[in-house]
């Protein structure tokens, strides 16, 4: 783990390269020691139906949810989410300069006993750490 889930309003697709945003988040996550490289997953889902603020369809959003296995100290998690959110904000800066967009993020722990995992990703990495 961690798993990064982006939900974004459909009206942002014409101004935001969502695939590039996923890659920017993955790249930053890969520099954070508490995140094992093999566990990093970034995915995005377009939200077609949404309503915000005063109801004007010009408003858009990106909500980032980060799930990771429990056991990390709060200061480690705080540093990680601060860095990831800064990456999101920096990536979105050009769109934020001209559009009404709300950004949000949340990090939550997953109970390892209730979340089995299996995979062969580490077998295919040059540095499986």
N, C-alpha and C. Protein backbone atom coordinates (compact mmCIF):
# COMPACT_ATOMS: atom_id res chain seq x y z
N UNK A 1 0.87 -1.15 0.00
CA UNK A 1 0.00 0.00 0.00
C UNK A 1 0.91 1.21 0.00
N UNK A 2 0.61 2.29 -0.45
CA UNK A 2 -0.68 2.97 -0.41
C UNK A 2 -1.44 2.89 -1.73
N UNK A 3 -2.74 3.09 -1.60
CA UNK A 3 -3.60 3.23 -2.76
C UNK A 3 -4.12 4.66 -2.79
N UNK A 4 -4.01 5.29 -3.94
CA UNK A 4 -4.46 6.66 -4.15
C UNK A 4 -5.66 6.61 -5.08
N UNK A 5 -6.79 7.12 -4.61
CA UNK A 5 -8.01 7.15 -5.40
C UNK A 5 -8.36 8.61 -5.67
N UNK A 6 -8.42 8.98 -6.93
CA UNK A 6 -8.85 10.31 -7.32
C UNK A 6 -10.27 10.22 -7.87
N UNK A 7 -11.14 11.03 -7.34
CA UNK A 7 -12.45 11.23 -7.96
C UNK A 7 -12.45 12.66 -8.48
N UNK A 8 -12.88 12.85 -9.71
CA UNK A 8 -12.87 14.19 -10.29
C UNK A 8 -14.15 14.44 -11.06
N UNK A 9 -14.56 15.68 -11.05
CA UNK A 9 -15.78 16.05 -11.78
C UNK A 9 -15.49 16.03 -13.28
N UNK A 10 -16.46 15.54 -14.02
CA UNK A 10 -16.31 15.36 -15.46
C UNK A 10 -15.97 16.66 -16.18
N UNK A 11 -16.39 17.79 -15.63
CA UNK A 11 -16.13 19.06 -16.31
C UNK A 11 -14.67 19.50 -16.25
N UNK A 12 -13.81 18.71 -15.63
CA UNK A 12 -12.38 19.04 -15.61
C UNK A 12 -11.59 18.36 -16.71
N UNK A 13 -12.19 17.39 -17.39
CA UNK A 13 -11.43 16.64 -18.39
C UNK A 13 -10.89 17.50 -19.53
N UNK A 14 -11.53 18.61 -19.83
CA UNK A 14 -11.05 19.46 -20.92
C UNK A 14 -9.89 20.37 -20.49
N UNK A 15 -9.60 20.44 -19.19
CA UNK A 15 -8.52 21.32 -18.73
C UNK A 15 -7.45 20.61 -17.92
N UNK A 16 -7.66 19.36 -17.57
CA UNK A 16 -6.70 18.63 -16.73
C UNK A 16 -6.35 17.30 -17.40
N UNK A 17 -5.07 17.03 -17.51
CA UNK A 17 -4.60 15.75 -18.02
C UNK A 17 -4.58 14.79 -16.83
N UNK A 18 -5.63 14.02 -16.69
CA UNK A 18 -5.81 13.16 -15.52
C UNK A 18 -4.73 12.07 -15.47
N UNK A 19 -4.36 11.51 -16.61
CA UNK A 19 -3.30 10.50 -16.63
C UNK A 19 -1.98 11.09 -16.13
N UNK A 20 -1.68 12.30 -16.54
CA UNK A 20 -0.45 12.97 -16.09
C UNK A 20 -0.53 13.28 -14.59
N UNK A 21 -1.71 13.62 -14.11
CA UNK A 21 -1.89 13.86 -12.67
C UNK A 21 -1.63 12.57 -11.89
N UNK A 22 -2.17 11.46 -12.37
CA UNK A 22 -1.91 10.16 -11.72
C UNK A 22 -0.41 9.88 -11.67
N UNK A 23 0.28 10.13 -12.75
CA UNK A 23 1.72 9.89 -12.79
C UNK A 23 2.46 10.83 -11.84
N UNK A 24 2.05 12.09 -11.75
CA UNK A 24 2.70 13.04 -10.83
C UNK A 24 2.55 12.57 -9.38
N UNK A 25 1.38 12.08 -9.04
CA UNK A 25 1.16 11.58 -7.68
C UNK A 25 1.98 10.32 -7.44
N UNK A 26 2.01 9.41 -8.42
CA UNK A 26 2.82 8.20 -8.28
C UNK A 26 4.29 8.54 -8.09
N UNK A 27 4.79 9.46 -8.90
CA UNK A 27 6.20 9.84 -8.83
C UNK A 27 6.54 10.44 -7.46
N UNK A 28 5.69 11.29 -6.94
CA UNK A 28 5.94 11.87 -5.61
C UNK A 28 5.85 10.80 -4.54
N UNK A 29 4.87 9.94 -4.62
CA UNK A 29 4.72 8.86 -3.63
C UNK A 29 5.97 7.98 -3.62
N UNK A 30 6.56 7.76 -4.77
CA UNK A 30 7.74 6.91 -4.86
C UNK A 30 8.95 7.51 -4.15
N UNK A 31 8.93 8.81 -3.87
CA UNK A 31 10.03 9.46 -3.16
C UNK A 31 9.83 9.47 -1.65
N UNK A 32 8.69 8.99 -1.19
CA UNK A 32 8.36 9.02 0.24
C UNK A 32 8.71 7.67 0.84
N UNK A 33 9.64 7.67 1.78
CA UNK A 33 10.18 6.42 2.33
C UNK A 33 9.13 5.50 2.92
N UNK A 34 8.09 6.05 3.50
CA UNK A 34 7.10 5.19 4.17
C UNK A 34 6.21 4.42 3.19
N UNK A 35 6.27 4.75 1.90
CA UNK A 35 5.46 4.08 0.90
C UNK A 35 6.31 3.07 0.13
N UNK A 36 6.05 1.78 0.28
CA UNK A 36 6.81 0.79 -0.51
C UNK A 36 6.45 0.91 -1.99
N UNK A 37 7.48 0.96 -2.82
CA UNK A 37 7.29 1.15 -4.26
C UNK A 37 6.29 0.15 -4.84
N UNK A 38 6.41 -1.10 -4.48
CA UNK A 38 5.55 -2.13 -5.06
C UNK A 38 4.09 -1.97 -4.67
N UNK A 39 3.83 -1.24 -3.61
CA UNK A 39 2.45 -1.08 -3.16
C UNK A 39 1.73 0.13 -3.70
N UNK A 40 2.43 1.00 -4.40
CA UNK A 40 1.82 2.24 -4.88
C UNK A 40 0.84 1.95 -6.01
N UNK A 41 -0.39 2.42 -5.85
CA UNK A 41 -1.42 2.33 -6.88
C UNK A 41 -2.11 3.69 -6.96
N UNK A 42 -2.22 4.24 -8.14
CA UNK A 42 -2.93 5.50 -8.34
C UNK A 42 -4.00 5.25 -9.39
N UNK A 43 -5.22 5.60 -9.08
CA UNK A 43 -6.30 5.44 -10.05
C UNK A 43 -7.25 6.62 -9.95
N UNK A 44 -7.96 6.86 -11.03
CA UNK A 44 -8.87 8.00 -11.08
C UNK A 44 -10.22 7.56 -11.64
N UNK A 45 -11.25 8.14 -11.07
CA UNK A 45 -12.61 7.89 -11.56
C UNK A 45 -13.29 9.22 -11.85
N UNK A 46 -13.84 9.29 -13.02
CA UNK A 46 -14.61 10.46 -13.43
C UNK A 46 -15.99 10.38 -12.80
N UNK A 47 -16.46 11.50 -12.28
CA UNK A 47 -17.80 11.58 -11.68
C UNK A 47 -18.66 12.41 -12.63
N UNK A 48 -19.62 11.74 -13.26
CA UNK A 48 -20.47 12.42 -14.24
C UNK A 48 -21.60 13.20 -13.60
N UNK A 49 -22.07 12.74 -12.47
CA UNK A 49 -23.21 13.38 -11.82
C UNK A 49 -22.76 13.95 -10.49
N UNK A 50 -22.85 15.27 -10.35
CA UNK A 50 -22.42 15.94 -9.14
C UNK A 50 -23.10 17.29 -9.06
N UNK A 51 -23.16 17.84 -7.87
CA UNK A 51 -23.69 19.18 -7.64
C UNK A 51 -22.82 19.82 -6.58
N UNK A 52 -22.48 21.09 -6.78
CA UNK A 52 -21.58 21.78 -5.85
C UNK A 52 -22.08 23.18 -5.55
N UNK A 53 -21.68 23.66 -4.40
CA UNK A 53 -21.83 25.06 -4.00
C UNK A 53 -23.22 25.62 -4.36
N UNK A 54 -23.25 26.60 -5.25
CA UNK A 54 -24.51 27.26 -5.60
C UNK A 54 -25.25 26.57 -6.75
N UNK A 55 -24.74 25.41 -7.17
CA UNK A 55 -25.40 24.66 -8.23
C UNK A 55 -24.91 24.99 -9.62
N UNK A 56 -24.06 25.99 -9.76
CA UNK A 56 -23.53 26.37 -11.07
C UNK A 56 -22.64 25.24 -11.59
N UNK A 57 -22.88 24.75 -12.79
CA UNK A 57 -22.10 23.62 -13.32
C UNK A 57 -20.64 23.97 -13.65
N UNK A 58 -20.25 25.22 -13.49
CA UNK A 58 -18.86 25.59 -13.75
C UNK A 58 -17.91 25.06 -12.67
N UNK A 59 -18.42 24.81 -11.47
CA UNK A 59 -17.58 24.35 -10.38
C UNK A 59 -17.13 22.92 -10.62
N UNK A 60 -15.88 22.63 -10.24
CA UNK A 60 -15.35 21.29 -10.38
C UNK A 60 -14.62 20.88 -9.12
N UNK A 61 -14.23 19.61 -9.05
CA UNK A 61 -13.53 19.13 -7.87
C UNK A 61 -12.61 17.98 -8.21
N UNK A 62 -11.61 17.81 -7.35
CA UNK A 62 -10.80 16.60 -7.30
C UNK A 62 -10.68 16.24 -5.83
N UNK A 63 -11.08 15.03 -5.53
CA UNK A 63 -10.98 14.51 -4.16
C UNK A 63 -10.00 13.35 -4.19
N UNK A 64 -8.97 13.43 -3.37
CA UNK A 64 -7.94 12.40 -3.29
C UNK A 64 -8.08 11.64 -1.98
N UNK A 65 -8.27 10.35 -2.09
CA UNK A 65 -8.35 9.47 -0.93
C UNK A 65 -7.12 8.58 -0.94
N UNK A 66 -6.42 8.54 0.20
CA UNK A 66 -5.22 7.72 0.33
C UNK A 66 -5.49 6.67 1.40
N UNK A 67 -5.38 5.41 1.01
CA UNK A 67 -5.54 4.31 1.97
C UNK A 67 -4.19 3.63 2.14
N UNK A 68 -3.81 3.36 3.37
CA UNK A 68 -2.57 2.67 3.61
C UNK A 68 -2.67 1.79 4.85
N UNK A 69 -1.82 0.80 4.90
CA UNK A 69 -1.83 -0.11 6.04
C UNK A 69 -1.51 0.65 7.31
N UNK A 70 -2.17 0.26 8.37
CA UNK A 70 -1.97 0.87 9.68
C UNK A 70 -0.55 0.66 10.17
N UNK A 71 -0.18 1.42 11.20
CA UNK A 71 1.10 1.22 11.84
C UNK A 71 2.09 2.35 11.69
N UNK A 72 1.81 3.33 10.87
CA UNK A 72 2.72 4.45 10.71
C UNK A 72 2.38 5.54 11.73
N UNK A 73 3.40 6.21 12.19
CA UNK A 73 3.21 7.30 13.17
C UNK A 73 2.48 8.46 12.51
N UNK A 74 1.72 9.21 13.31
CA UNK A 74 0.95 10.34 12.78
C UNK A 74 1.83 11.37 12.08
N UNK A 75 3.02 11.65 12.61
CA UNK A 75 3.87 12.65 11.97
C UNK A 75 4.35 12.16 10.60
N UNK A 76 4.58 10.87 10.46
CA UNK A 76 4.98 10.30 9.17
C UNK A 76 3.83 10.42 8.16
N UNK A 77 2.63 10.11 8.62
CA UNK A 77 1.46 10.22 7.74
C UNK A 77 1.19 11.68 7.38
N UNK A 78 1.33 12.57 8.35
CA UNK A 78 1.09 14.00 8.10
C UNK A 78 2.06 14.53 7.05
N UNK A 79 3.33 14.16 7.17
CA UNK A 79 4.33 14.58 6.19
C UNK A 79 3.97 14.03 4.80
N UNK A 80 3.58 12.77 4.75
CA UNK A 80 3.26 12.14 3.46
C UNK A 80 2.07 12.82 2.80
N UNK A 81 0.98 13.02 3.54
CA UNK A 81 -0.21 13.63 2.91
C UNK A 81 0.06 15.09 2.54
N UNK A 82 0.89 15.77 3.32
CA UNK A 82 1.25 17.15 2.98
C UNK A 82 2.00 17.20 1.66
N UNK A 83 2.93 16.29 1.47
CA UNK A 83 3.70 16.24 0.23
C UNK A 83 2.84 15.85 -0.96
N UNK A 84 1.98 14.87 -0.78
CA UNK A 84 1.11 14.44 -1.88
C UNK A 84 0.12 15.54 -2.25
N UNK A 85 -0.46 16.20 -1.23
CA UNK A 85 -1.42 17.27 -1.50
C UNK A 85 -0.73 18.45 -2.19
N UNK A 86 0.51 18.74 -1.80
CA UNK A 86 1.26 19.81 -2.48
C UNK A 86 1.48 19.47 -3.95
N UNK A 87 1.73 18.21 -4.24
CA UNK A 87 1.87 17.78 -5.63
C UNK A 87 0.57 18.00 -6.40
N UNK A 88 -0.55 17.63 -5.79
CA UNK A 88 -1.85 17.86 -6.41
C UNK A 88 -2.08 19.34 -6.67
N UNK A 89 -1.83 20.17 -5.67
CA UNK A 89 -2.03 21.63 -5.81
C UNK A 89 -1.13 22.21 -6.88
N UNK A 90 0.14 21.81 -6.89
CA UNK A 90 1.07 22.34 -7.89
C UNK A 90 0.65 21.92 -9.31
N UNK A 91 0.26 20.67 -9.46
CA UNK A 91 -0.18 20.19 -10.77
C UNK A 91 -1.42 20.96 -11.24
N UNK A 92 -2.30 21.24 -10.32
CA UNK A 92 -3.56 21.90 -10.65
C UNK A 92 -3.47 23.42 -10.75
N UNK A 93 -2.34 24.00 -10.41
CA UNK A 93 -2.21 25.46 -10.37
C UNK A 93 -2.68 26.16 -11.65
N UNK A 94 -2.31 25.70 -12.84
CA UNK A 94 -2.80 26.40 -14.04
C UNK A 94 -4.33 26.39 -14.15
N UNK A 95 -4.95 25.26 -13.86
CA UNK A 95 -6.41 25.18 -13.94
C UNK A 95 -7.06 25.99 -12.83
N UNK A 96 -6.47 25.99 -11.63
CA UNK A 96 -7.02 26.75 -10.51
C UNK A 96 -6.99 28.26 -10.78
N UNK A 97 -6.06 28.69 -11.62
CA UNK A 97 -5.94 30.11 -11.94
C UNK A 97 -7.11 30.62 -12.76
N UNK A 98 -7.81 29.72 -13.45
CA UNK A 98 -8.88 30.17 -14.34
C UNK A 98 -10.23 29.52 -14.09
N UNK A 99 -10.26 28.50 -13.24
CA UNK A 99 -11.49 27.73 -13.03
C UNK A 99 -11.85 27.66 -11.55
N UNK A 100 -13.13 27.41 -11.29
CA UNK A 100 -13.62 27.18 -9.93
C UNK A 100 -13.47 25.69 -9.62
N UNK A 101 -12.45 25.37 -8.80
CA UNK A 101 -12.13 23.97 -8.51
C UNK A 101 -11.85 23.80 -7.02
N UNK A 102 -12.44 22.79 -6.44
CA UNK A 102 -12.17 22.46 -5.04
C UNK A 102 -11.27 21.22 -5.01
N UNK A 103 -10.21 21.29 -4.22
CA UNK A 103 -9.31 20.16 -4.02
C UNK A 103 -9.45 19.68 -2.59
N UNK A 104 -9.43 18.38 -2.39
CA UNK A 104 -9.47 17.83 -1.04
C UNK A 104 -8.70 16.52 -1.02
N UNK A 105 -8.25 16.15 0.19
CA UNK A 105 -7.53 14.89 0.36
C UNK A 105 -7.80 14.34 1.74
N UNK A 106 -7.73 13.03 1.84
CA UNK A 106 -7.90 12.37 3.13
C UNK A 106 -7.04 11.11 3.12
N UNK A 107 -6.36 10.86 4.23
CA UNK A 107 -5.58 9.64 4.39
C UNK A 107 -6.21 8.83 5.50
N UNK A 108 -6.36 7.52 5.26
CA UNK A 108 -6.91 6.67 6.31
C UNK A 108 -6.18 5.33 6.34
N UNK A 109 -6.14 4.80 7.54
CA UNK A 109 -5.48 3.52 7.77
C UNK A 109 -6.42 2.37 7.44
N UNK A 110 -5.81 1.29 7.01
CA UNK A 110 -6.53 0.05 6.75
C UNK A 110 -6.07 -0.98 7.77
N UNK A 111 -7.00 -1.67 8.37
CA UNK A 111 -6.69 -2.74 9.30
C UNK A 111 -6.08 -3.90 8.52
N UNK A 112 -4.80 -4.18 8.76
CA UNK A 112 -4.08 -5.21 8.01
C UNK A 112 -4.71 -6.59 8.18
N UNK A 113 -5.28 -6.86 9.34
CA UNK A 113 -5.90 -8.17 9.57
C UNK A 113 -7.13 -8.39 8.70
N UNK A 114 -7.74 -7.31 8.24
CA UNK A 114 -8.96 -7.41 7.46
C UNK A 114 -8.76 -7.04 5.99
N UNK A 115 -7.51 -7.01 5.56
CA UNK A 115 -7.21 -6.59 4.20
C UNK A 115 -6.11 -7.47 3.61
N UNK A 116 -6.46 -8.70 3.20
CA UNK A 116 -5.43 -9.58 2.64
C UNK A 116 -4.90 -9.05 1.31
N UNK A 117 -3.64 -9.31 1.05
CA UNK A 117 -2.99 -8.86 -0.17
C UNK A 117 -2.16 -10.00 -0.75
N UNK A 118 -2.07 -10.05 -2.07
CA UNK A 118 -1.19 -10.98 -2.76
C UNK A 118 -0.86 -10.39 -4.12
N UNK A 119 0.34 -10.57 -4.57
CA UNK A 119 0.70 -10.10 -5.89
C UNK A 119 2.13 -10.47 -6.24
N UNK A 120 2.46 -10.27 -7.50
CA UNK A 120 3.80 -10.58 -7.99
C UNK A 120 4.55 -9.35 -8.47
N UNK A 121 4.06 -8.16 -8.14
CA UNK A 121 4.68 -6.92 -8.60
C UNK A 121 6.14 -6.87 -8.18
N UNK A 122 6.44 -7.19 -6.93
CA UNK A 122 7.83 -7.13 -6.45
C UNK A 122 8.76 -8.02 -7.29
N UNK A 123 8.24 -9.10 -7.80
CA UNK A 123 9.05 -10.00 -8.63
C UNK A 123 9.49 -9.35 -9.94
N UNK A 124 8.82 -8.27 -10.30
CA UNK A 124 9.08 -7.63 -11.59
C UNK A 124 9.69 -6.23 -11.47
N UNK A 125 10.13 -5.86 -10.28
CA UNK A 125 10.77 -4.57 -10.06
C UNK A 125 12.28 -4.76 -9.94
N UNK A 126 13.03 -3.80 -10.47
CA UNK A 126 14.48 -3.84 -10.31
C UNK A 126 14.85 -3.66 -8.85
N UNK A 127 14.18 -2.75 -8.15
CA UNK A 127 14.42 -2.49 -6.73
C UNK A 127 13.11 -2.78 -6.01
N UNK A 128 12.94 -3.98 -5.46
CA UNK A 128 11.64 -4.37 -4.89
C UNK A 128 11.31 -3.79 -3.52
N UNK A 129 12.06 -2.81 -3.06
CA UNK A 129 11.79 -2.24 -1.73
C UNK A 129 10.46 -1.56 -1.65
